[in-house]
Protein backbone atom coordinates (compact mmCIF):
# COMPACT_ATOMS: atom_id res chain seq x y z
CA MET A 1 -15.22 44.00 -36.50
CA ARG A 2 -11.53 43.32 -36.19
CA TRP A 3 -11.78 43.16 -32.40
CA ILE A 4 -14.54 40.60 -32.58
CA ALA A 5 -12.48 38.39 -34.91
CA LEU A 6 -9.49 38.63 -32.58
CA LEU A 7 -11.68 37.85 -29.60
CA VAL A 8 -13.10 34.75 -31.30
CA VAL A 9 -9.60 33.58 -32.32
CA GLY A 10 -8.32 34.17 -28.77
CA ILE A 11 -11.17 32.22 -27.20
CA PHE A 12 -10.64 29.39 -29.68
CA MET A 13 -6.91 29.26 -28.91
CA GLY A 14 -7.63 29.28 -25.15
CA VAL A 15 -10.10 26.41 -25.46
CA LEU A 16 -7.66 24.46 -27.65
CA GLY A 17 -4.81 24.97 -25.17
CA THR A 18 -6.99 24.01 -22.19
CA THR A 19 -8.24 20.86 -23.91
CA THR A 20 -4.68 19.81 -24.81
CA SER A 21 -3.49 20.41 -21.25
CA LEU A 22 -6.35 18.44 -19.72
CA SER A 23 -5.71 15.58 -22.15
CA ILE A 24 -2.08 15.38 -21.08
CA VAL A 25 -3.02 15.35 -17.38
CA ALA A 26 -5.63 12.62 -17.97
CA GLN A 27 -3.16 10.39 -19.82
CA GLN A 28 -0.87 10.25 -16.78
CA LYS A 29 -3.51 8.36 -14.85
CA HIS A 30 -3.74 5.50 -17.37
CA TYR A 31 -0.40 3.87 -16.65
CA PRO A 32 -1.08 2.87 -13.03
CA ARG A 33 -4.48 1.48 -13.95
CA ALA A 34 -3.05 -0.45 -16.89
CA LEU A 35 -0.26 -1.84 -14.76
CA MET A 36 -2.73 -3.04 -12.13
CA THR A 37 -4.92 -4.57 -14.85
CA VAL A 38 -2.03 -6.58 -16.30
CA MET A 39 -0.89 -7.68 -12.84
CA ASP A 40 -4.45 -8.73 -12.00
CA TYR A 41 -4.63 -10.82 -15.18
CA GLN A 42 -1.33 -12.52 -14.43
CA LEU A 43 -2.36 -13.25 -10.84
CA ARG A 44 -5.74 -14.62 -11.90
CA SER A 45 -3.94 -16.86 -14.40
CA LEU A 46 -1.89 -18.30 -11.54
CA ALA A 47 -4.98 -19.34 -9.57
CA PRO A 48 -5.37 -23.10 -9.68
CA ARG A 49 -8.17 -24.49 -11.80
CA LYS A 50 -9.56 -27.91 -11.03
CA ALA A 51 -9.64 -29.10 -14.62
CA VAL A 52 -6.08 -28.01 -15.43
CA ALA A 53 -2.98 -29.37 -13.70
CA CYS A 54 -0.32 -26.91 -12.58
CA ASP A 55 2.38 -26.45 -15.20
CA PRO A 56 5.72 -25.50 -13.56
CA GLU A 57 7.05 -23.87 -16.74
CA GLN A 58 4.02 -21.66 -17.11
CA LEU A 59 4.14 -20.86 -13.41
CA GLN A 60 7.74 -19.70 -13.72
CA ALA A 61 6.95 -17.64 -16.82
CA ARG A 62 4.09 -15.86 -15.00
CA GLN A 63 6.33 -15.33 -11.99
CA ALA A 64 8.95 -13.72 -14.19
CA ARG A 65 6.35 -11.40 -15.76
CA LEU A 66 5.01 -10.38 -12.36
CA THR A 67 8.52 -9.74 -11.10
CA LEU A 68 9.16 -7.39 -14.03
CA LEU A 69 5.87 -5.62 -13.42
CA ALA A 70 6.69 -5.26 -9.70
CA GLY A 71 9.61 -3.05 -10.68
CA ASP A 72 7.21 -0.57 -12.24
CA ILE A 73 4.84 -0.26 -9.27
CA ALA A 74 6.77 2.58 -7.59
CA LEU A 75 7.22 4.38 -10.90
CA ALA A 76 3.51 4.15 -11.69
CA THR A 77 2.60 5.66 -8.36
CA ASP A 78 4.28 8.42 -6.42
CA ASP A 79 7.76 6.80 -6.38
CA SER A 80 8.20 7.39 -2.64
CA ALA A 81 10.43 5.28 -0.41
CA GLN A 82 7.29 3.69 1.07
CA MET A 83 6.02 2.62 -2.35
CA ARG A 84 9.44 1.24 -3.30
CA SER A 85 9.38 -0.76 -0.07
CA LEU A 86 5.86 -2.08 -0.78
CA ALA A 87 6.88 -2.97 -4.36
CA GLY A 88 9.92 -4.80 -2.96
CA ASP A 89 7.64 -6.70 -0.56
CA PHE A 90 5.46 -7.74 -3.49
CA ALA A 91 8.50 -8.90 -5.47
CA ALA A 92 9.72 -10.85 -2.43
CA ALA A 93 6.29 -12.51 -2.12
CA LEU A 94 6.72 -13.77 -5.69
CA THR A 95 10.09 -15.45 -5.31
CA PRO A 96 9.48 -19.07 -4.26
CA LEU A 97 6.38 -20.09 -6.28
CA SER A 98 5.82 -23.79 -6.64
CA CYS A 99 2.93 -25.98 -7.75
CA ALA A 100 2.91 -27.83 -4.42
CA SER A 101 2.35 -24.71 -2.30
CA LEU A 102 0.55 -22.51 -4.81
CA ASP A 103 -2.43 -21.82 -2.55
CA ARG A 104 -0.18 -20.55 0.26
CA ASP A 105 1.90 -18.57 -2.22
CA LEU A 106 -1.18 -16.89 -3.68
CA ALA A 107 -2.40 -16.00 -0.17
CA ARG A 108 0.98 -14.41 0.59
CA ILE A 109 0.86 -12.42 -2.65
CA ALA A 110 -2.71 -11.29 -1.92
CA GLU A 111 -1.56 -9.99 1.49
CA SER A 112 1.18 -8.02 -0.17
CA CYS A 113 -1.31 -6.57 -2.67
CA ASP A 114 -3.75 -5.66 0.10
CA ALA A 115 -1.02 -3.88 2.07
CA CYS A 116 -0.14 -1.75 -0.89
CA HIS A 117 -3.77 -0.98 -1.77
CA GLN A 118 -4.45 0.13 1.83
CA GLN A 119 -1.57 2.63 1.57
CA MET A 120 -2.81 3.99 -1.75
CA ARG A 121 -6.33 4.73 -0.49
């Protein structure tokens, strides 16, 4: 009877340890997805809407947020030299945003995003 109780306790501890380990591994995948979700929201907010005029102050605020997020791209992925380079390219694509050339600026940013996404697949 004692052996059965120890076997049950051992199996329970093994299942508990495995569940905890798998949970920790799964949590590491959330940061890159969350970072991309926030960046996507900020980029979509930059897209010009016909009913709303471009606000330069809001444009600069979103540019600052995206520049900060660009610094975390390499950390959220594999932190290789190639990813740091692609993150730098994204940050460089963000620098001269203006209301007058917003469509061209967004196209340049989209190209930078696409280049990074092609490398990650």
